[in-house]
Amino acid sequence: MRGEHAIVAFDFDGTLTRRDTLLPFLARLAGPWALARALARQAPALARAAAGADDARDAAKERLVRTLLAGLDASEVRAAGDAYGRRLARRAVRSAVAERLRAHRDAGDTVVVVSASLDAYLEPACAALGVDAVVCSRLEVDAAGHLTGRLVGGNCRGPAKVVRLVEHPGADAPLAWAYGDSHGDRELLARAEHPVRVPRWPRPARLPALDDRPRPRR
């Protein structure tokens, strides 16, 4: 990343996009009926997650990923993720937030997407959007080239977003702006000099002006 410039962080689901991106991807890989059965089996855990229990939310996601993706060929998942990610970049992105991302890029900022979404589709989506770096949940691959169903280091949500951003190579510049839409972005927003809570879709994404820009620290 271009460490001499200020860093700008964007959440993905609900901030850059209009909707959740994980469940449609799981349905593409495992089929809608398998996804529906897996969700039904996890109804109690999902109810706790919906009530705001962060540990329950992370555990439920990891169980869902393990149930549906364990054993799949990693190269096939990457191919499916590439097609899905590029489609998201074309069709699912909120125009006002994408315009803000481009404005930061044009100003010379280092743009990082920090998200709990899966690397298989998030990386190609962000490449299509011109993002400098991606910090996200990563699917573990075994020595035979198959998914284990586990997430490397766990789910990238809440406090983990800040930890992984700080640990990312080149992320030694100040976090000037951060954009998020949910409780899972709270710690990331708290770290930024200019935190922006993006209204949930379908409300319009009215964003503050960039006139009061922080100066890059050399």
C-alpha atoms as a PDB file:
ATOM      1  CA  MET A   1       0.000   0.000   0.000  1.00  0.00           C
ATOM      2  CA  ARG A   2       1.066   3.602  -0.461  1.00  0.00           C
ATOM      3  CA  GLY A   3       2.116   4.194   3.140  1.00  0.00           C
ATOM      4  CA  GLU A   4       3.040   7.872   2.681  1.00  0.00           C
ATOM      5  CA  HIS A   5      -0.643   8.809   2.305  1.00  0.00           C
ATOM      6  CA  ALA A   6      -3.482   8.767   4.791  1.00  0.00           C
ATOM      7  CA  ILE A   7      -5.492   5.556   4.942  1.00  0.00           C
ATOM      8  CA  VAL A   8      -9.226   5.453   4.230  1.00  0.00           C
ATOM      9  CA  ALA A   9     -11.223   2.353   5.260  1.00  0.00           C
ATOM     10  CA  PHE A  10     -14.555   1.198   3.863  1.00  0.00           C
ATOM     11  CA  ASP A  11     -16.775  -1.589   5.140  1.00  0.00           C
ATOM     12  CA  PHE A  12     -18.301  -3.639   2.303  1.00  0.00           C
ATOM     13  CA  ASP A  13     -21.724  -5.188   3.044  1.00  0.00           C
ATOM     14  CA  GLY A  14     -24.321  -2.455   3.553  1.00  0.00           C
ATOM     15  CA  THR A  15     -21.757   0.314   3.136  1.00  0.00           C
ATOM     16  CA  LEU A  16     -20.371  -0.119  -0.361  1.00  0.00           C
ATOM     17  CA  THR A  17     -23.104  -2.591  -1.332  1.00  0.00           C
ATOM     18  CA  ARG A  18     -26.878  -2.455  -1.049  1.00  0.00           C
ATOM     19  CA  ARG A  19     -27.221  -5.853   0.612  1.00  0.00           C
ATOM     20  CA  ASP A  20     -25.605  -8.832   2.303  1.00  0.00           C
ATOM     21  CA  THR A  21     -23.206 -10.642  -0.018  1.00  0.00           C
ATOM     22  CA  LEU A  22     -22.364 -13.827   1.902  1.00  0.00           C
ATOM     23  CA  LEU A  23     -25.622 -15.791   1.715  1.00  0.00           C
ATOM     24  CA  PRO A  24     -26.041 -15.440  -2.075  1.00  0.00           C
ATOM     25  CA  PHE A  25     -22.459 -16.667  -2.512  1.00  0.00           C
ATOM     26  CA  LEU A  26     -23.052 -19.669  -0.271  1.00  0.00           C
ATOM     27  CA  ALA A  27     -26.214 -20.461  -2.217  1.00  0.00           C
ATOM     28  CA  ARG A  28     -24.243 -20.362  -5.477  1.00  0.00           C
ATOM     29  CA  LEU A  29     -21.709 -22.855  -4.150  1.00  0.00           C
ATOM     30  CA  ALA A  30     -23.855 -25.226  -2.107  1.00  0.00           C
ATOM     31  CA  GLY A  31     -27.305 -24.664  -3.606  1.00  0.00           C
ATOM     32  CA  PRO A  32     -30.281 -22.794  -2.127  1.00  0.00           C
ATOM     33  CA  TRP A  33     -31.813 -25.869  -0.473  1.00  0.00           C
ATOM     34  CA  ALA A  34     -28.584 -26.781   1.319  1.00  0.00           C
ATOM     35  CA  LEU A  35     -28.302 -23.204   2.509  1.00  0.00           C
ATOM     36  CA  ALA A  36     -31.907 -23.197   3.724  1.00  0.00           C
ATOM     37  CA  ARG A  37     -31.374 -26.449   5.677  1.00  0.00           C
ATOM     38  CA  ALA A  38     -28.168 -25.142   7.248  1.00  0.00           C
ATOM     39  CA  LEU A  39     -29.867 -21.904   8.281  1.00  0.00           C
ATOM     40  CA  ALA A  40     -32.803 -23.818   9.781  1.00  0.00           C
ATOM     41  CA  ARG A  41     -30.467 -25.970  11.880  1.00  0.00           C
ATOM     42  CA  GLN A  42     -28.790 -22.854  13.230  1.00  0.00           C
ATOM     43  CA  ALA A  43     -31.964 -20.917  13.992  1.00  0.00           C
ATOM     44  CA  PRO A  44     -31.313 -20.616  17.778  1.00  0.00           C
ATOM     45  CA  ALA A  45     -27.748 -19.365  17.261  1.00  0.00           C
ATOM     46  CA  LEU A  46     -28.897 -16.953  14.567  1.00  0.00           C
ATOM     47  CA  ALA A  47     -31.569 -15.605  16.910  1.00  0.00           C
ATOM     48  CA  ARG A  48     -28.896 -14.893  19.546  1.00  0.00           C
ATOM     49  CA  ALA A  49     -26.774 -13.231  16.871  1.00  0.00           C
ATOM     50  CA  ALA A  50     -29.704 -11.066  15.777  1.00  0.00           C
ATOM     51  CA  ALA A  51     -30.137 -10.008  19.403  1.00  0.00           C
ATOM     52  CA  GLY A  52     -26.660  -8.502  19.298  1.00  0.00           C
ATOM     53  CA  ALA A  53     -24.466 -11.263  20.734  1.00  0.00           C
ATOM     54  CA  ASP A  54     -21.238 -10.764  18.799  1.00  0.00           C
ATOM     55  CA  ASP A  55     -19.699 -14.098  19.802  1.00  0.00           C
ATOM     56  CA  ALA A  56     -22.862 -15.908  18.716  1.00  0.00           C
ATOM     57  CA  ARG A  57     -22.822 -14.077  15.376  1.00  0.00           C
ATOM     58  CA  ASP A  58     -19.216 -15.047  14.657  1.00  0.00           C
ATOM     59  CA  ALA A  59     -19.735 -18.650  15.749  1.00  0.00           C
ATOM     60  CA  ALA A  60     -22.899 -18.999  13.659  1.00  0.00           C
ATOM     61  CA  LYS A  61     -21.133 -17.692  10.564  1.00  0.00           C
ATOM     62  CA  GLU A  62     -18.195 -20.044  11.022  1.00  0.00           C
ATOM     63  CA  ARG A  63     -20.499 -23.045  11.499  1.00  0.00           C
ATOM     64  CA  LEU A  64     -22.432 -22.073   8.376  1.00  0.00           C
ATOM     65  CA  VAL A  65     -19.256 -21.763   6.313  1.00  0.00           C
ATOM     66  CA  ARG A  66     -17.922 -25.058   7.655  1.00  0.00           C
ATOM     67  CA  THR A  67     -21.178 -26.892   6.962  1.00  0.00           C
ATOM     68  CA  LEU A  68     -21.492 -25.672   3.376  1.00  0.00           C
ATOM     69  CA  LEU A  69     -17.924 -25.229   2.138  1.00  0.00           C
ATOM     70  CA  ALA A  70     -15.719 -27.789   3.890  1.00  0.00           C
ATOM     71  CA  GLY A  71     -14.139 -30.142   1.352  1.00  0.00           C
ATOM     72  CA  LEU A  72     -14.790 -28.017  -1.733  1.00  0.00           C
ATOM     73  CA  ASP A  73     -11.984 -27.564  -4.249  1.00  0.00           C
ATOM     74  CA  ALA A  74     -10.393 -24.195  -3.500  1.00  0.00           C
ATOM     75  CA  SER A  75      -9.680 -23.406  -7.155  1.00  0.00           C
ATOM     76  CA  GLU A  76     -13.345 -23.920  -8.064  1.00  0.00           C
ATOM     77  CA  VAL A  77     -14.421 -21.691  -5.180  1.00  0.00           C
ATOM     78  CA  ARG A  78     -11.977 -19.008  -6.322  1.00  0.00           C
ATOM     79  CA  ALA A  79     -13.349 -19.192  -9.872  1.00  0.00           C
ATOM     80  CA  ALA A  80     -16.918 -18.865  -8.606  1.00  0.00           C
ATOM     81  CA  GLY A  81     -15.830 -16.029  -6.302  1.00  0.00           C
ATOM     82  CA  ASP A  82     -14.133 -14.181  -9.139  1.00  0.00           C
ATOM     83  CA  ALA A  83     -17.301 -14.197 -11.262  1.00  0.00           C
ATOM     84  CA  TYR A  84     -19.515 -13.305  -8.299  1.00  0.00           C
ATOM     85  CA  GLY A  85     -17.217 -10.539  -7.049  1.00  0.00           C
ATOM     86  CA  ARG A  86     -17.000  -8.844 -10.428  1.00  0.00           C
ATOM     87  CA  ARG A  87     -20.776  -9.013 -10.726  1.00  0.00           C
ATOM     88  CA  LEU A  88     -21.130  -7.351  -7.313  1.00  0.00           C
ATOM     89  CA  ALA A  89     -18.819  -4.538  -8.425  1.00  0.00           C
ATOM     90  CA  ARG A  90     -20.992  -3.959 -11.497  1.00  0.00           C
ATOM     91  CA  ARG A  91     -24.468  -4.332 -10.050  1.00  0.00           C
ATOM     92  CA  ALA A  92     -24.609  -4.203  -6.252  1.00  0.00           C
ATOM     93  CA  VAL A  93     -22.547  -1.145  -5.320  1.00  0.00           C
ATOM     94  CA  ARG A  94     -24.142   2.018  -3.927  1.00  0.00           C
ATOM     95  CA  SER A  95     -23.292   4.768  -6.384  1.00  0.00           C
ATOM     96  CA  ALA A  96     -22.777   7.568  -3.850  1.00  0.00           C
ATOM     97  CA  VAL A  97     -20.358   5.489  -1.766  1.00  0.00           C
ATOM     98  CA  ALA A  98     -18.510   4.286  -4.858  1.00  0.00           C
ATOM     99  CA  GLU A  99     -18.136   7.906  -5.954  1.00  0.00           C
ATOM    100  CA  ARG A 100     -16.668   8.742  -2.537  1.00  0.00           C
ATOM    101  CA  LEU A 101     -14.222   5.855  -2.871  1.00  0.00           C
ATOM    102  CA  ARG A 102     -13.097   7.206  -6.247  1.00  0.00           C
ATOM    103  CA  ALA A 103     -12.737  10.697  -4.759  1.00  0.00           C
ATOM    104  CA  HIS A 104     -10.369   9.359  -2.119  1.00  0.00           C
ATOM    105  CA  ARG A 105      -8.403   7.494  -4.761  1.00  0.00           C
ATOM    106  CA  ASP A 106      -8.168  10.626  -6.919  1.00  0.00           C
ATOM    107  CA  ALA A 107      -6.910  12.558  -3.873  1.00  0.00           C
ATOM    108  CA  GLY A 108      -4.064  10.080  -3.435  1.00  0.00           C
ATOM    109  CA  ASP A 109      -5.369   8.318  -0.328  1.00  0.00           C
ATOM    110  CA  THR A 110      -4.742   4.620   0.272  1.00  0.00           C
ATOM    111  CA  VAL A 111      -8.163   2.942   0.156  1.00  0.00           C
ATOM    112  CA  VAL A 112      -8.642  -0.259   2.151  1.00  0.00           C
ATOM    113  CA  VAL A 113     -11.794  -2.363   2.370  1.00  0.00           C
ATOM    114  CA  VAL A 114     -12.089  -3.895   5.857  1.00  0.00           C
ATOM    115  CA  SER A 115     -14.853  -6.477   5.910  1.00  0.00           C
ATOM    116  CA  ALA A 116     -16.143  -9.731   7.345  1.00  0.00           C
ATOM    117  CA  SER A 117     -16.920 -10.867   3.782  1.00  0.00           C
ATOM    118  CA  LEU A 118     -14.977 -13.794   2.312  1.00  0.00           C
ATOM    119  CA  ASP A 119     -11.762 -13.254   0.379  1.00  0.00           C
ATOM    120  CA  ALA A 120     -12.888 -15.546  -2.448  1.00  0.00           C
ATOM    121  CA  TYR A 121     -15.254 -12.918  -3.842  1.00  0.00           C
ATOM    122  CA  LEU A 122     -14.289  -9.769  -1.965  1.00  0.00           C
ATOM    123  CA  GLU A 123     -10.811  -9.508  -3.497  1.00  0.00           C
ATOM    124  CA  PRO A 124     -12.004  -9.617  -7.132  1.00  0.00           C
ATOM    125  CA  ALA A 125     -14.841  -7.213  -6.314  1.00  0.00           C
ATOM    126  CA  CYS A 126     -12.404  -4.748  -4.754  1.00  0.00           C
ATOM    127  CA  ALA A 127      -9.935  -5.126  -7.608  1.00  0.00           C
ATOM    128  CA  ALA A 128     -12.706  -4.115  -9.993  1.00  0.00           C
ATOM    129  CA  LEU A 129     -13.441  -1.080  -7.790  1.00  0.00           C
ATOM    130  CA  GLY A 130      -9.814   0.057  -7.718  1.00  0.00           C
ATOM    131  CA  VAL A 131      -9.231  -0.618  -4.016  1.00  0.00           C
ATOM    132  CA  ASP A 132      -5.608  -0.649  -2.825  1.00  0.00           C
ATOM    133  CA  ALA A 133      -5.875  -3.417  -0.217  1.00  0.00           C
ATOM    134  CA  VAL A 134      -8.377  -5.827   1.296  1.00  0.00           C
ATOM    135  CA  VAL A 135      -8.567  -6.903   4.953  1.00  0.00           C
ATOM    136  CA  CYS A 136     -11.222  -9.593   5.396  1.00  0.00           C
ATOM    137  CA  SER A 137     -12.268 -13.073   6.498  1.00  0.00           C
ATOM    138  CA  ARG A 138     -10.135 -15.664   4.715  1.00  0.00           C
ATOM    139  CA  LEU A 139     -11.028 -19.233   3.854  1.00  0.00           C
ATOM    140  CA  GLU A 140      -8.500 -21.805   5.044  1.00  0.00           C
ATOM    141  CA  VAL A 141      -7.152 -24.202   2.405  1.00  0.00           C
ATOM    142  CA  ASP A 142      -5.509 -27.537   3.248  1.00  0.00           C
ATOM    143  CA  ALA A 143      -2.421 -29.059   1.645  1.00  0.00           C
ATOM    144  CA  ALA A 144      -4.568 -30.904  -0.899  1.00  0.00           C
ATOM    145  CA  GLY A 145      -6.152 -27.682  -2.141  1.00  0.00           C
ATOM    146  CA  HIS A 146      -9.536 -28.113  -0.449  1.00  0.00           C
ATOM    147  CA  LEU A 147     -11.352 -25.774   1.903  1.00  0.00           C
ATOM    148  CA  THR A 148     -11.254 -26.857   5.533  1.00  0.00           C
ATOM    149  CA  GLY A 149     -14.391 -24.854   6.320  1.00  0.00           C
ATOM    150  CA  ARG A 150     -12.486 -22.727   8.816  1.00  0.00           C
ATOM    151  CA  LEU A 151     -11.695 -19.029   8.663  1.00  0.00           C
ATOM    152  CA  VAL A 152      -8.035 -18.137   9.096  1.00  0.00           C
ATOM    153  CA  GLY A 153      -7.877 -16.221  12.390  1.00  0.00           C
ATOM    154  CA  GLY A 154     -11.674 -16.167  12.704  1.00  0.00           C
ATOM    155  CA  ASN A 155     -14.276 -13.712  11.468  1.00  0.00           C
ATOM    156  CA  CYS A 156     -13.050 -10.206  10.554  1.00  0.00           C
ATOM    157  CA  ARG A 157     -15.694  -8.228  12.414  1.00  0.00           C
ATOM    158  CA  GLY A 158     -15.845  -5.743  15.279  1.00  0.00           C
ATOM    159  CA  PRO A 159     -12.523  -5.357  17.137  1.00  0.00           C
ATOM    160  CA  ALA A 160     -10.864  -7.785  14.704  1.00  0.00           C
ATOM    161  CA  LYS A 161     -11.241  -5.195  11.941  1.00  0.00           C
ATOM    162  CA  VAL A 162      -8.965  -2.762  13.757  1.00  0.00           C
ATOM    163  CA  VAL A 163      -6.456  -5.433  14.789  1.00  0.00           C
ATOM    164  CA  ARG A 164      -6.071  -6.739  11.254  1.00  0.00           C
ATOM    165  CA  LEU A 165      -5.930  -3.292   9.706  1.00  0.00           C
ATOM    166  CA  VAL A 166      -3.143  -2.262  12.082  1.00  0.00           C
ATOM    167  CA  GLU A 167      -1.259  -5.493  11.346  1.00  0.00           C
ATOM    168  CA  HIS A 168      -1.613  -5.163   7.578  1.00  0.00           C
ATOM    169  CA  PRO A 169       1.678  -4.445   5.777  1.00  0.00           C
ATOM    170  CA  GLY A 170       1.936  -0.743   4.964  1.00  0.00           C
ATOM    171  CA  ALA A 171      -0.891   0.331   7.281  1.00  0.00           C
ATOM    172  CA  ASP A 172       1.369   2.623   9.306  1.00  0.00           C
ATOM    173  CA  ALA A 173      -0.233   5.869   8.113  1.00  0.00           C
ATOM    174  CA  PRO A 174      -3.084   7.463  10.109  1.00  0.00           C
ATOM    175  CA  LEU A 175      -6.637   6.240   9.596  1.00  0.00           C
ATOM    176  CA  ALA A 176      -8.097   9.466   8.261  1.00  0.00           C
ATOM    177  CA  TRP A 177     -11.599   8.388   7.206  1.00  0.00           C
ATOM    178  CA  ALA A 178     -13.650   5.273   7.921  1.00  0.00           C
ATOM    179  CA  TYR A 179     -17.056   4.362   6.491  1.00  0.00           C
ATOM    180  CA  GLY A 180     -19.383   1.773   8.008  1.00  0.00           C
ATOM    181  CA  ASP A 181     -23.051   1.016   8.498  1.00  0.00           C
ATOM    182  CA  SER A 182     -23.399  -1.348  11.449  1.00  0.00           C
ATOM    183  CA  HIS A 183     -22.468  -2.319  15.000  1.00  0.00           C
ATOM    184  CA  GLY A 184     -19.706  -4.473  13.546  1.00  0.00           C
ATOM    185  CA  ASP A 185     -17.945  -1.308  12.335  1.00  0.00           C
ATOM    186  CA  ARG A 186     -18.029   0.476  15.699  1.00  0.00           C
ATOM    187  CA  GLU A 187     -14.372  -0.027  16.621  1.00  0.00           C
ATOM    188  CA  LEU A 188     -13.175   0.834  13.124  1.00  0.00           C
ATOM    189  CA  LEU A 189     -15.159   4.068  13.130  1.00  0.00           C
ATOM    190  CA  ALA A 190     -13.909   4.961  16.611  1.00  0.00           C
ATOM    191  CA  ARG A 191     -10.308   4.751  15.412  1.00  0.00           C
ATOM    192  CA  ALA A 192     -10.743   7.143  12.465  1.00  0.00           C
ATOM    193  CA  GLU A 193     -10.199  10.886  12.554  1.00  0.00           C
ATOM    194  CA  HIS A 194     -13.305  11.258  10.384  1.00  0.00           C
ATOM    195  CA  PRO A 195     -15.811   8.431  11.087  1.00  0.00           C
ATOM    196  CA  VAL A 196     -18.831   8.262   8.764  1.00  0.00           C
ATOM    197  CA  ARG A 197     -21.875   6.144   9.622  1.00  0.00           C
ATOM    198  CA  VAL A 198     -23.441   5.365   6.242  1.00  0.00           C
ATOM    199  CA  PRO A 199     -27.277   5.095   6.335  1.00  0.00           C
ATOM    200  CA  ARG A 200     -28.649   1.655   5.608  1.00  0.00           C
ATOM    201  CA  TRP A 201     -30.095   0.993   2.167  1.00  0.00           C
ATOM    202  CA  PRO A 202     -32.597   2.039   0.815  1.00  0.00           C
ATOM    203  CA  ARG A 203     -31.951   5.378   2.510  1.00  0.00           C
ATOM    204  CA  PRO A 204     -29.709   7.598   0.362  1.00  0.00           C
ATOM    205  CA  ALA A 205     -26.053   7.637   1.336  1.00  0.00           C
ATOM    206  CA  ARG A 206     -25.629  11.321   2.178  1.00  0.00           C
ATOM    207  CA  LEU A 207     -21.963  11.743   3.054  1.00  0.00           C
ATOM    208  CA  PRO A 208     -20.114  14.688   4.616  1.00  0.00           C
ATOM    209  CA  ALA A 209     -17.991  16.852   2.344  1.00  0.00           C
ATOM    210  CA  LEU A 210     -14.298  16.138   1.959  1.00  0.00           C
ATOM    211  CA  ASP A 211     -13.328  19.797   2.322  1.00  0.00           C
ATOM    212  CA  ASP A 212     -12.004  19.309   5.860  1.00  0.00           C
ATOM    213  CA  ARG A 213      -9.436  16.752   4.755  1.00  0.00           C
ATOM    214  CA  PRO A 214      -6.691  15.686   7.148  1.00  0.00           C
ATOM    215  CA  ARG A 215      -3.195  16.398   5.866  1.00  0.00           C
ATOM    216  CA  PRO A 216      -1.044  13.315   5.146  1.00  0.00           C
ATOM    217  CA  ARG A 217       1.608  12.778   7.796  1.00  0.00           C
ATOM    218  CA  ARG A 218       5.056  12.289   6.357  1.00  0.00           C
END
